[in-house]
């Protein structure tokens, strides 16, 4: 559930922090007070596109942060693993909208992307607005709604079907490509020429590195020769280090029997012969070097061919060899084209049959659950004073697709004697709100989402119908956290908690604030909703009656 929401420098909100609780909460306030701004802020946490227009005037950035308590599910754990986020019972989701047009996202204080929000937030919160109502009424979404309703029955078999269908699609594409692909003798000659070109230099990447090192050594021979000759001259020429060192030792030897020179002489004598040994080591290494012009030219030729292959077929020899395998498969395919096509056709037939069998099982489960769904909707509509309404889930068969072979349409007749028609063709605004709420209530019962926000779903209704809508949200609030934005006192009075959203107009700017109402404040707020700014005693009494205080 949504525990708290912090908003800073967002549109006309300077700074706002509000705590929410389990049960049903109503957000009320005058038109234009800023209720929709709070929904917009929550929408940003759900991954909606950011805009600099959301940043409060003269501010550098807007900040929205929500704290959510969640019951971890396996599906949510998988999403967290995919996003490299440590799963927890509490999630802190933060989004900053910068004046540069960019945005920063953090989930549990780890940097994330806007796409990550779109992946993880559907497990936390569902925001239902007028736009969401239109989505429910679109035919293409009806099959998803039935699948949500039948999730427990369909989950496993839908996963199996998706795997088989993807295999069927993949093999079908291979077959189509094989039939359409150029398989002429000219194409075969071209592929063979590429294969032969690669087979001229079948080296691994490690072997190529060794060849490059060998060539580099040969290229450095001339430089090495120059350096060593200079080294030899400095070390062993008549006036070089070693002869001079030896002459110095001979001179010192004349005084070893006088004073204390003997130890120094012995030490220098040892150093001279150590130096002589190292000099000989260097010269031995130099003498072992042999510049092979034939090998030098051979290496250049080999590496030239290798680099040409890399440019044509891949950046590494590993990739070149993978391309060679692809070439070999194509050549084999051309040489045995009829057999390959026949094998693919057989595979397509088998996989399609398996997919059809699974789709048939999915179809039967959908029909079974659709009939239960119809009955549930009828009960909900009766509670919402649409007792004459008839609701039907219509099935038509289509070509195999990612969902099976079902095309599903929700049909309804609102009045007695009226023919069934598509969901969005025959209902008024108030009826649409009730139908939507009925569908949403049924679907959300089977959803792991714990927080549902209704944005003015009671538009176009009043009286006992408004009360029935409030009752419906209150029933849902026994299982979920429900937050609703409403203009109707009948709905607001049913809430466990009521928040007032107020707009203050100053000399320089307009600001929105929110606070949780106490019982006496609720009486005043609902009385205002009943009678307007001029609160009458009758309105106060009616407000108390609605609140049972």
Protein backbone atom coordinates (compact mmCIF):
# COMPACT_ATOMS: atom_id res chain seq x y z
CA UNK A 1 0.00 0.00 0.00
CA UNK A 2 0.97 3.65 -0.42
CA UNK A 3 2.28 4.75 3.01
CA UNK A 4 3.30 8.29 2.16
CA UNK A 5 3.73 10.70 -0.71
CA UNK A 6 6.15 13.62 -0.89
CA UNK A 7 5.86 16.24 -3.62
CA UNK A 8 8.14 19.26 -4.06
CA UNK A 9 8.10 22.12 -6.61
CA UNK A 10 5.55 20.31 -8.79
CA UNK A 11 3.22 22.60 -10.80
CA UNK A 12 1.60 24.69 -8.02
CA UNK A 13 2.66 22.45 -5.13
CA UNK A 14 5.53 24.01 -3.18
CA UNK A 15 6.15 21.22 -0.69
CA UNK A 16 3.71 18.54 0.43
CA UNK A 17 4.03 15.36 2.48
CA UNK A 18 0.98 13.24 3.23
CA UNK A 19 0.56 9.85 4.91
CA UNK A 20 -2.08 7.37 3.73
CA UNK A 21 -3.65 4.43 5.56
CA UNK A 22 -5.32 1.11 4.88
CA UNK A 23 -8.99 1.30 3.95
CA UNK A 24 -10.76 3.94 1.89
CA UNK A 25 -9.51 7.53 1.65
CA UNK A 26 -11.33 10.36 -0.12
CA UNK A 27 -9.58 13.44 -1.56
CA UNK A 28 -11.97 16.37 -1.79
CA UNK A 29 -11.72 20.03 -2.69
CA UNK A 30 -13.05 22.64 -5.04
CA UNK A 31 -12.66 22.30 -8.79
CA UNK A 32 -9.19 23.52 -9.73
CA UNK A 33 -7.79 23.08 -6.20
CA UNK A 34 -5.14 20.66 -7.46
CA UNK A 35 -6.57 17.17 -7.02
CA UNK A 36 -5.58 16.20 -10.56
CA UNK A 37 -2.03 17.47 -9.89
CA UNK A 38 -1.61 14.81 -7.20
CA UNK A 39 -2.74 12.18 -9.71
CA UNK A 40 -0.24 13.60 -12.22
CA UNK A 41 2.51 13.30 -9.60
CA UNK A 42 1.63 9.67 -8.93
CA UNK A 43 1.55 9.13 -12.68
CA UNK A 44 5.18 10.28 -12.82
CA UNK A 45 6.09 7.58 -10.30
CA UNK A 46 4.32 5.08 -12.57
CA UNK A 47 6.60 6.01 -15.47
CA UNK A 48 4.58 8.66 -17.28
CA UNK A 49 6.64 10.92 -19.51
CA UNK A 50 8.22 13.85 -17.67
CA UNK A 51 7.93 17.44 -18.83
CA UNK A 52 9.58 20.66 -17.69
CA UNK A 53 6.05 22.14 -17.51
CA UNK A 54 5.61 20.14 -14.30
CA UNK A 55 8.37 22.13 -12.55
CA UNK A 56 7.07 24.96 -10.37
CA UNK A 57 7.90 28.41 -11.69
CA UNK A 58 11.42 29.66 -10.80
CA UNK A 59 12.50 26.22 -9.51
CA UNK A 60 15.29 24.01 -10.86
CA UNK A 61 13.62 20.65 -10.35
CA UNK A 62 10.48 18.88 -9.16
CA UNK A 63 10.64 15.89 -6.80
CA UNK A 64 8.07 13.15 -6.23
CA UNK A 65 8.68 10.33 -3.77
CA UNK A 66 6.38 7.50 -2.74
CA UNK A 67 6.88 4.92 -0.01
CA UNK A 68 5.09 1.63 -0.63
CA UNK A 69 4.59 -1.41 1.59
CA UNK A 70 4.28 -4.54 -0.55
CA UNK A 71 3.75 -8.26 -0.17
CA UNK A 72 6.53 -9.86 -2.18
CA UNK A 73 5.40 -12.27 -4.88
CA UNK A 74 7.49 -14.50 -7.11
CA UNK A 75 6.63 -12.32 -10.12
CA UNK A 76 7.76 -9.18 -8.28
CA UNK A 77 10.97 -10.91 -7.16
CA UNK A 78 11.69 -11.79 -10.80
CA UNK A 79 11.19 -8.15 -11.86
CA UNK A 80 13.50 -6.97 -9.06
CA UNK A 81 16.11 -9.52 -10.13
CA UNK A 82 15.86 -8.34 -13.74
CA UNK A 83 16.26 -4.70 -12.63
CA UNK A 84 19.07 -5.60 -10.15
CA UNK A 85 17.03 -4.18 -7.26
CA UNK A 86 17.19 -5.74 -3.81
CA UNK A 87 13.61 -6.87 -2.98
CA UNK A 88 12.17 -5.60 0.26
CA UNK A 89 8.86 -5.28 2.07
CA UNK A 90 9.11 -1.51 1.64
CA UNK A 91 9.99 0.31 -1.58
CA UNK A 92 11.02 3.95 -1.83
CA UNK A 93 10.40 5.26 -5.35
CA UNK A 94 11.78 8.70 -6.26
CA UNK A 95 11.64 10.75 -9.44
CA UNK A 96 13.28 14.11 -10.06
CA UNK A 97 12.26 16.20 -13.08
CA UNK A 98 15.09 18.56 -14.02
CA UNK A 99 14.85 21.91 -15.79
CA UNK A 100 17.14 20.48 -18.49
CA UNK A 101 14.28 18.19 -19.54
CA UNK A 102 15.94 15.07 -18.12
CA UNK A 103 14.72 13.08 -15.14
CA UNK A 104 16.40 11.00 -12.43
CA UNK A 105 14.75 7.85 -11.09
CA UNK A 106 15.68 5.87 -7.98
CA UNK A 107 14.10 2.70 -6.60
CA UNK A 108 15.19 1.90 -3.06
CA UNK A 109 17.91 4.53 -3.48
CA UNK A 110 19.39 2.74 -6.51
CA UNK A 111 19.54 4.54 -9.84
CA UNK A 112 16.91 3.24 -12.25
CA UNK A 113 15.21 4.20 -15.50
CA UNK A 114 11.75 5.39 -16.41
CA UNK A 115 11.23 2.03 -18.08
CA UNK A 116 12.01 0.35 -14.74
CA UNK A 117 9.14 2.31 -13.20
CA UNK A 118 6.80 1.03 -15.91
CA UNK A 119 7.90 -2.52 -15.13
CA UNK A 120 7.71 -2.45 -11.32
CA UNK A 121 4.95 0.04 -10.42
CA UNK A 122 2.04 -2.05 -11.82
CA UNK A 123 2.78 -4.40 -8.90
CA UNK A 124 2.20 -1.55 -6.40
CA UNK A 125 -0.54 0.75 -7.64
CA UNK A 126 -3.39 1.05 -10.15
CA UNK A 127 -4.54 4.53 -11.15
CA UNK A 128 -7.96 4.61 -12.77
CA UNK A 129 -8.79 7.81 -14.62
CA UNK A 130 -11.14 8.70 -17.47
CA UNK A 131 -8.34 7.67 -19.86
CA UNK A 132 -8.21 4.24 -18.19
CA UNK A 133 -11.99 3.98 -18.64
CA UNK A 134 -11.52 4.41 -22.37
CA UNK A 135 -8.90 1.64 -22.34
CA UNK A 136 -11.35 -0.73 -20.66
CA UNK A 137 -13.92 0.08 -23.32
CA UNK A 138 -11.51 -0.66 -26.21
CA UNK A 139 -12.21 -4.08 -27.72
CA UNK A 140 -8.53 -5.03 -28.02
CA UNK A 141 -8.22 -4.91 -24.21
CA UNK A 142 -11.19 -7.17 -23.43
CA UNK A 143 -9.21 -10.38 -23.85
CA UNK A 144 -6.61 -9.12 -21.33
CA UNK A 145 -9.37 -8.38 -18.83
CA UNK A 146 -10.80 -11.90 -19.12
CA UNK A 147 -7.28 -13.33 -18.79
CA UNK A 148 -6.74 -11.25 -15.64
CA UNK A 149 -9.99 -12.58 -14.23
CA UNK A 150 -9.05 -16.17 -15.11
CA UNK A 151 -5.38 -15.72 -14.15
CA UNK A 152 -5.15 -18.73 -11.81
CA UNK A 153 -6.69 -21.10 -14.37
CA UNK A 154 -4.83 -19.69 -17.36
CA UNK A 155 -1.38 -18.77 -16.05
CA UNK A 156 0.38 -22.09 -16.65
CA UNK A 157 -1.25 -23.01 -19.96
CA UNK A 158 -0.79 -19.46 -21.33
CA UNK A 159 2.94 -19.69 -20.59
CA UNK A 160 3.09 -23.06 -22.37
CA UNK A 161 1.18 -21.64 -25.31
CA UNK A 162 3.46 -18.61 -25.60
CA UNK A 163 6.53 -20.86 -25.85
CA UNK A 164 4.94 -23.10 -28.48
CA UNK A 165 3.53 -20.16 -30.44
CA UNK A 166 6.90 -18.41 -30.54
CA UNK A 167 8.52 -21.65 -31.78
CA UNK A 168 5.79 -21.97 -34.42
CA UNK A 169 6.36 -18.37 -35.53
CA UNK A 170 10.12 -18.85 -35.66
CA UNK A 171 9.93 -21.99 -37.78
CA UNK A 172 7.31 -20.38 -40.02
CA UNK A 173 9.66 -17.46 -40.65
CA UNK A 174 12.49 -19.90 -41.47
CA UNK A 175 10.24 -21.70 -43.94
CA UNK A 176 9.11 -18.48 -45.60
CA UNK A 177 12.70 -17.26 -45.86
CA UNK A 178 13.85 -20.61 -47.26
CA UNK A 179 11.19 -20.55 -49.97
CA UNK A 180 11.85 -16.94 -50.92
CA UNK A 181 15.64 -16.93 -50.58
CA UNK A 182 17.85 -16.94 -53.68
CA UNK A 183 19.11 -20.51 -54.11
CA UNK A 184 20.62 -20.21 -57.61
CA UNK A 185 23.95 -21.69 -58.77
CA UNK A 186 25.36 -18.16 -58.78
CA UNK A 187 24.41 -17.75 -55.12
CA UNK A 188 26.00 -21.11 -54.31
CA UNK A 189 29.24 -20.07 -56.09
CA UNK A 190 29.29 -16.81 -54.15
CA UNK A 191 28.84 -18.57 -50.80
CA UNK A 192 31.54 -21.10 -51.69
CA UNK A 193 33.96 -18.30 -52.55
CA UNK A 194 33.37 -16.74 -49.13
CA UNK A 195 33.86 -20.09 -47.40
CA UNK A 196 37.13 -20.71 -49.26
CA UNK A 197 38.33 -17.21 -48.40
CA UNK A 198 37.79 -17.86 -44.69
CA UNK A 199 39.39 -21.32 -44.86
CA UNK A 200 42.66 -19.77 -46.07
CA UNK A 201 43.33 -18.35 -42.58
CA UNK A 202 41.65 -20.46 -39.90
CA UNK A 203 43.35 -18.97 -36.84
CA UNK A 204 41.90 -18.43 -33.37
CA UNK A 205 41.95 -15.01 -31.70
CA UNK A 206 44.75 -16.19 -29.36
CA UNK A 207 46.82 -17.37 -32.31
CA UNK A 208 46.29 -14.03 -34.05
CA UNK A 209 47.63 -12.25 -30.96
CA UNK A 210 50.74 -14.46 -31.06
CA UNK A 211 51.26 -13.66 -34.77
CA UNK A 212 50.94 -9.95 -34.06
CA UNK A 213 53.51 -10.18 -31.23
CA UNK A 214 55.93 -12.06 -33.49
CA UNK A 215 55.57 -9.46 -36.25
CA UNK A 216 56.07 -6.69 -33.71
CA UNK A 217 59.31 -8.32 -32.55
CA UNK A 218 60.61 -8.61 -36.11
CA UNK A 219 59.65 -4.99 -36.80
CA UNK A 220 61.75 -3.97 -33.76
CA UNK A 221 64.90 -5.90 -34.76
CA UNK A 222 66.49 -2.88 -36.47
CA UNK A 223 65.89 -0.69 -33.44
CA UNK A 224 67.19 -3.41 -31.11
CA UNK A 225 70.32 -3.78 -33.24
CA UNK A 226 71.10 -0.06 -32.99
CA UNK A 227 70.54 0.03 -29.23
CA UNK A 228 72.65 -3.07 -28.47
CA UNK A 229 75.56 -1.89 -30.62
CA UNK A 230 75.61 1.35 -28.66
CA UNK A 231 75.34 -0.62 -25.40
CA UNK A 232 78.29 -2.84 -26.45
CA UNK A 233 80.39 0.22 -27.36
CA UNK A 234 79.71 1.91 -24.01
CA UNK A 235 80.33 -1.26 -22.02
CA UNK A 236 83.29 -2.92 -23.76
CA UNK A 237 85.09 -0.32 -25.93
CA UNK A 238 88.67 0.66 -25.00
CA UNK A 239 87.25 3.49 -22.92
CA UNK A 240 84.05 1.62 -22.01
CA UNK A 241 82.72 0.77 -18.57
CA UNK A 242 84.29 -2.69 -18.24
CA UNK A 243 87.89 -1.85 -19.35
CA UNK A 244 87.87 1.31 -17.24
CA UNK A 245 86.46 -0.65 -14.28
CA UNK A 246 89.24 -3.30 -14.72
CA UNK A 247 91.96 -0.65 -14.89
CA UNK A 248 90.59 0.94 -11.73
CA UNK A 249 90.74 -2.45 -9.94
CA UNK A 250 94.34 -2.99 -11.08
CA UNK A 251 95.30 0.41 -9.68
CA UNK A 252 93.54 -0.27 -6.34
CA UNK A 253 95.26 -3.66 -6.07
CA UNK A 254 98.56 -1.89 -5.50
CA UNK A 255 97.44 -0.60 -2.09
CA UNK A 256 95.46 -3.57 -0.71
CA UNK A 257 98.30 -4.34 1.70
CA UNK A 258 98.23 -0.81 3.12
CA UNK A 259 95.57 0.49 5.43
CA UNK A 260 92.04 -0.97 5.17
CA UNK A 261 91.50 -1.17 1.34
CA UNK A 262 91.33 -4.95 1.14
CA UNK A 263 87.55 -5.30 1.85
CA UNK A 264 86.67 -2.58 -0.63
CA UNK A 265 88.83 -4.16 -3.28
CA UNK A 266 87.19 -7.58 -2.81
CA UNK A 267 83.71 -6.04 -3.06
CA UNK A 268 84.53 -4.10 -6.24
CA UNK A 269 86.21 -7.19 -7.70
CA UNK A 270 82.97 -9.19 -7.24
CA UNK A 271 80.88 -6.36 -8.70
CA UNK A 272 83.11 -6.24 -11.77
CA UNK A 273 82.59 -9.92 -12.57
CA UNK A 274 78.81 -9.66 -11.85
CA UNK A 275 78.65 -6.76 -14.29
CA UNK A 276 80.65 -8.78 -16.80
CA UNK A 277 78.14 -11.68 -16.48
CA UNK A 278 75.12 -9.40 -17.08
CA UNK A 279 76.83 -7.84 -20.08
CA UNK A 280 77.42 -11.31 -21.57
CA UNK A 281 73.76 -12.24 -20.90
CA UNK A 282 72.57 -9.22 -22.86
CA UNK A 283 74.91 -9.97 -25.73
CA UNK A 284 73.86 -13.66 -25.81
CA UNK A 285 70.21 -12.65 -26.13
CA UNK A 286 71.13 -10.22 -28.91
CA UNK A 287 73.14 -12.86 -30.81
CA UNK A 288 70.16 -15.26 -30.60
CA UNK A 289 67.92 -12.75 -32.45
CA UNK A 290 67.66 -13.49 -36.11
CA UNK A 291 65.74 -11.33 -38.57
CA UNK A 292 63.97 -13.65 -41.02
CA UNK A 293 62.83 -11.59 -43.98
CA UNK A 294 60.78 -14.47 -45.41
CA UNK A 295 58.94 -14.92 -42.08
CA UNK A 296 58.44 -11.16 -41.80
CA UNK A 297 56.73 -11.01 -45.22
CA UNK A 298 54.73 -14.14 -44.46
CA UNK A 299 53.38 -12.66 -41.21
CA UNK A 300 52.40 -9.44 -42.93
CA UNK A 301 50.49 -11.38 -45.59
CA UNK A 302 48.69 -13.58 -43.05
CA UNK A 303 47.67 -10.65 -40.83
CA UNK A 304 46.50 -8.65 -43.84
CA UNK A 305 44.16 -11.48 -44.83
CA UNK A 306 42.96 -11.89 -41.25
CA UNK A 307 42.14 -8.18 -40.87
CA UNK A 308 40.35 -8.20 -44.23
CA UNK A 309 38.20 -11.13 -43.02
CA UNK A 310 37.41 -9.29 -39.78
CA UNK A 311 36.29 -6.21 -41.68
CA UNK A 312 34.04 -8.32 -43.92
CA UNK A 313 32.62 -10.90 -41.54
CA UNK A 314 33.19 -9.86 -37.93
CA UNK A 315 35.40 -7.98 -35.51
CA UNK A 316 36.95 -11.14 -34.07
CA UNK A 317 38.04 -14.51 -35.46
CA UNK A 318 35.42 -16.10 -33.24
CA UNK A 319 32.73 -14.11 -35.05
CA UNK A 320 34.34 -14.93 -38.42
CA UNK A 321 34.14 -18.64 -37.56
CA UNK A 322 30.49 -18.22 -36.54
CA UNK A 323 29.84 -16.65 -39.93
CA UNK A 324 31.67 -19.57 -41.54
CA UNK A 325 29.26 -21.93 -39.77
CA UNK A 326 26.34 -19.92 -41.14
CA UNK A 327 27.85 -20.14 -44.63
CA UNK A 328 28.26 -23.89 -44.32
CA UNK A 329 24.63 -24.27 -43.22
CA UNK A 330 23.44 -22.18 -46.18
CA UNK A 331 25.54 -24.21 -48.59
CA UNK A 332 24.23 -27.46 -47.11
CA UNK A 333 20.71 -26.06 -47.35
CA UNK A 334 21.11 -25.18 -51.05
CA UNK A 335 22.55 -28.60 -51.79
CA UNK A 336 19.64 -30.25 -49.95
CA UNK A 337 16.99 -27.57 -50.36
CA UNK A 338 13.98 -29.77 -51.03
CA UNK A 339 14.71 -31.99 -48.03
CA UNK A 340 15.17 -28.94 -45.74
CA UNK A 341 11.95 -27.27 -46.90
CA UNK A 342 10.04 -30.51 -46.46
CA UNK A 343 11.46 -30.89 -42.93
CA UNK A 344 10.51 -27.29 -42.06
CA UNK A 345 7.00 -27.76 -43.45
CA UNK A 346 6.56 -30.84 -41.30
CA UNK A 347 7.87 -28.96 -38.25
CA UNK A 348 5.52 -26.03 -38.91
CA UNK A 349 2.56 -28.43 -39.18
CA UNK A 350 3.45 -30.17 -35.92
CA UNK A 351 4.04 -26.96 -33.96
CA UNK A 352 0.85 -25.37 -35.32
CA UNK A 353 -1.14 -28.42 -34.27
CA UNK A 354 0.32 -28.28 -30.75
CA UNK A 355 -0.43 -24.53 -30.60
CA UNK A 356 -4.01 -25.14 -31.79
CA UNK A 357 -4.56 -27.81 -29.15
CA UNK A 358 -3.33 -25.47 -26.42
CA UNK A 359 -5.37 -22.59 -27.86
CA UNK A 360 -8.47 -24.82 -27.74
CA UNK A 361 -7.87 -25.54 -24.04
CA UNK A 362 -7.34 -21.82 -23.40
CA UNK A 363 -10.56 -21.08 -25.30
CA UNK A 364 -12.55 -23.51 -23.14
CA UNK A 365 -11.11 -22.07 -19.92
CA UNK A 366 -11.89 -18.55 -21.11
CA UNK A 367 -15.50 -19.47 -21.87
CA UNK A 368 -15.88 -21.11 -18.47
CA UNK A 369 -14.47 -18.05 -16.69
CA UNK A 370 -16.33 -15.63 -18.98
CA UNK A 371 -19.66 -17.09 -17.84
CA UNK A 372 -18.63 -16.61 -14.20
CA UNK A 373 -17.44 -13.11 -15.10
CA UNK A 374 -20.85 -12.30 -16.62
CA UNK A 375 -22.63 -13.43 -13.45
CA UNK A 376 -20.27 -11.39 -11.25
CA UNK A 377 -20.79 -8.31 -13.42
CA UNK A 378 -24.58 -8.74 -13.27
CA UNK A 379 -24.45 -8.77 -9.46
CA UNK A 380 -22.22 -5.69 -9.39
CA UNK A 381 -24.49 -3.81 -11.83
CA UNK A 382 -27.56 -4.64 -9.72
CA UNK A 383 -25.83 -3.13 -6.70
CA UNK A 384 -25.13 -0.05 -8.83
CA UNK A 385 -28.81 0.35 -9.84
CA UNK A 386 -28.39 -1.07 -13.32
CA UNK A 387 -30.59 -4.07 -12.54
CA UNK A 388 -32.07 -4.15 -16.06
CA UNK A 389 -28.66 -4.32 -17.69
CA UNK A 390 -27.52 -7.43 -19.53
CA UNK A 391 -23.79 -8.12 -19.92
CA UNK A 392 -22.35 -10.67 -22.35
CA UNK A 393 -18.82 -11.77 -23.26
CA UNK A 394 -18.85 -12.50 -26.98
CA UNK A 395 -16.32 -14.92 -28.53
CA UNK A 396 -15.22 -15.08 -32.17
CA UNK A 397 -12.52 -17.25 -33.68
CA UNK A 398 -9.54 -15.67 -35.46
CA UNK A 399 -6.20 -16.79 -36.84
CA UNK A 400 -3.62 -17.97 -34.32
CA UNK A 401 -1.91 -15.08 -32.55
CA UNK A 402 -0.02 -14.45 -29.33
CA UNK A 403 -3.29 -14.75 -27.33
CA UNK A 404 -4.60 -17.92 -28.97
CA UNK A 405 -7.43 -17.77 -31.50
CA UNK A 406 -10.03 -15.85 -29.46
CA UNK A 407 -11.38 -12.42 -30.24
CA UNK A 408 -13.39 -11.19 -27.26
CA UNK A 409 -15.91 -8.34 -27.13
CA UNK A 410 -17.89 -7.11 -24.15
CA UNK A 411 -21.54 -6.56 -25.11
CA UNK A 412 -24.18 -4.81 -23.00
CA UNK A 413 -27.75 -3.59 -23.03
CA UNK A 414 -28.53 -1.12 -20.28
CA UNK A 415 -32.32 -0.97 -20.59
CA UNK A 416 -34.93 -3.71 -20.77
CA UNK A 417 -35.74 -4.75 -24.36
CA UNK A 418 -32.60 -3.10 -25.72
CA UNK A 419 -30.39 -5.17 -28.03
CA UNK A 420 -26.90 -6.07 -26.92
CA UNK A 421 -24.28 -3.75 -28.40
CA UNK A 422 -20.62 -2.97 -27.91
CA UNK A 423 -19.67 -1.65 -24.51
CA UNK A 424 -19.06 1.95 -25.61
CA UNK A 425 -21.97 2.35 -28.01
CA UNK A 426 -25.09 2.55 -25.87
CA UNK A 427 -24.28 3.80 -22.37
CA UNK A 428 -24.51 7.32 -20.97
CA UNK A 429 -21.74 8.97 -18.96
CA UNK A 430 -23.16 7.91 -15.61
CA UNK A 431 -23.80 4.39 -16.86
CA UNK A 432 -20.28 4.15 -18.23
CA UNK A 433 -18.88 5.08 -14.80
CA UNK A 434 -20.88 2.31 -13.14
CA UNK A 435 -20.08 -0.32 -15.76
CA UNK A 436 -16.40 0.57 -15.52
CA UNK A 437 -16.49 0.36 -11.71
CA UNK A 438 -18.20 -3.03 -11.87
CA UNK A 439 -15.54 -4.41 -14.24
CA UNK A 440 -12.71 -2.85 -12.26
CA UNK A 441 -14.03 -4.14 -8.94
CA UNK A 442 -14.26 -7.71 -10.22
CA UNK A 443 -10.82 -7.64 -11.91
CA UNK A 444 -9.00 -6.03 -8.99
CA UNK A 445 -10.25 -8.67 -6.57
CA UNK A 446 -7.95 -11.09 -8.36
CA UNK A 447 -5.02 -8.70 -8.67
CA UNK A 448 -1.95 -8.58 -6.35
CA UNK A 449 -2.03 -4.76 -6.53
CA UNK A 450 -2.70 -3.33 -3.07
CA UNK A 451 -3.39 0.34 -3.88
CA UNK A 452 -6.16 1.48 -6.24
CA UNK A 453 -6.74 5.13 -7.02
CA UNK A 454 -10.04 6.22 -8.57
CA UNK A 455 -9.96 9.64 -10.19
CA UNK A 456 -13.53 11.00 -10.27
CA UNK A 457 -15.12 7.71 -11.35
CA UNK A 458 -18.42 9.02 -9.96
CA UNK A 459 -18.71 11.71 -12.64
CA UNK A 460 -22.23 12.04 -14.01
CA UNK A 461 -24.07 10.36 -11.12
CA UNK A 462 -25.86 11.55 -8.00
CA UNK A 463 -28.24 10.47 -5.23
CA UNK A 464 -28.58 6.79 -4.46
CA UNK A 465 -26.38 5.85 -7.44
CA UNK A 466 -23.55 7.94 -6.00
CA UNK A 467 -24.00 6.18 -2.67
CA UNK A 468 -23.90 2.78 -4.40
CA UNK A 469 -20.61 3.74 -6.10
CA UNK A 470 -19.20 4.77 -2.73
CA UNK A 471 -20.38 1.50 -1.19
CA UNK A 472 -18.70 -0.42 -3.98
CA UNK A 473 -15.36 1.33 -3.35
CA UNK A 474 -15.79 0.79 0.40
CA UNK A 475 -16.29 -2.96 -0.15
CA UNK A 476 -13.16 -3.05 -2.29
CA UNK A 477 -11.31 -1.18 0.48
CA UNK A 478 -11.80 -4.20 2.76
CA UNK A 479 -9.27 -6.02 0.58
CA UNK A 480 -7.27 -3.17 -0.94
CA UNK A 481 -6.16 0.34 -0.11
CA UNK A 482 -8.56 2.62 -2.03
CA UNK A 483 -7.91 6.32 -2.63
CA UNK A 484 -10.60 8.20 -4.52
CA UNK A 485 -10.92 11.75 -5.76
CA UNK A 486 -14.55 12.78 -5.58
CA UNK A 487 -16.89 15.76 -5.76
CA UNK A 488 -19.79 13.83 -4.21
CA UNK A 489 -20.54 14.11 -0.47
CA UNK A 490 -22.24 10.69 -0.51
CA UNK A 491 -18.96 9.08 -1.61
CA UNK A 492 -16.66 11.18 0.60
CA UNK A 493 -18.73 10.44 3.72
CA UNK A 494 -18.25 6.70 3.30
CA UNK A 495 -14.45 6.97 3.38
CA UNK A 496 -12.45 5.94 6.43
CA UNK A 497 -10.25 9.01 5.93
CA UNK A 498 -10.88 12.30 4.19
CA UNK A 499 -8.24 14.74 2.93
CA UNK A 500 -8.95 18.31 1.93
CA UNK A 501 -7.03 19.77 -1.01
CA UNK A 502 -6.96 23.55 -0.95
CA UNK A 503 -5.62 26.21 -3.27
CA UNK A 504 -4.25 29.46 -1.84
CA UNK A 505 -3.90 32.44 -4.18
CA UNK A 506 -1.23 34.90 -3.05
CA UNK A 507 0.08 38.11 -4.57
CA UNK A 508 2.89 36.34 -6.43
CA UNK A 509 1.84 32.71 -6.78
CA UNK A 510 -0.86 30.08 -6.31
CA UNK A 511 -0.14 27.11 -4.03
CA UNK A 512 -1.90 23.81 -3.32
CA UNK A 513 -1.87 22.06 0.06
CA UNK A 514 -3.44 18.91 1.54
CA UNK A 515 -4.30 17.83 5.06
CA UNK A 516 -6.13 15.01 6.80
CA UNK A 517 -9.47 16.16 8.24
CA UNK A 518 -10.64 15.52 11.77
CA UNK A 519 -14.28 14.60 12.38
CA UNK A 520 -15.52 18.18 12.92
CA UNK A 521 -13.54 19.33 9.87
CA UNK A 522 -15.14 16.56 7.81
CA UNK A 523 -18.57 17.79 8.83
CA UNK A 524 -17.70 21.27 7.58
CA UNK A 525 -16.11 19.96 4.36
CA UNK A 526 -19.07 17.73 3.48
CA UNK A 527 -21.54 20.48 4.38
CA UNK A 528 -19.65 22.71 1.95
CA UNK A 529 -19.92 19.99 -0.71
CA UNK A 530 -23.68 19.85 -0.09
CA UNK A 531 -24.48 23.57 -0.08
CA UNK A 532 -21.48 25.45 -1.46
CA UNK A 533 -19.52 28.23 0.25
CA UNK A 534 -22.55 29.41 2.23
CA UNK A 535 -22.86 26.55 4.70
CA UNK A 536 -26.37 26.22 6.09
CA UNK A 537 -27.40 24.56 9.32
CA UNK A 538 -29.39 22.10 7.26
CA UNK A 539 -26.24 21.19 5.32
CA UNK A 540 -24.36 20.66 8.57
CA UNK A 541 -27.11 18.35 9.86
CA UNK A 542 -27.12 16.42 6.60
CA UNK A 543 -23.33 16.13 6.76
CA UNK A 544 -23.51 14.73 10.30
CA UNK A 545 -26.17 12.27 9.18
CA UNK A 546 -23.98 11.11 6.28
CA UNK A 547 -21.03 10.70 8.64
CA UNK A 548 -23.10 9.09 11.40
CA UNK A 549 -21.83 11.58 14.00
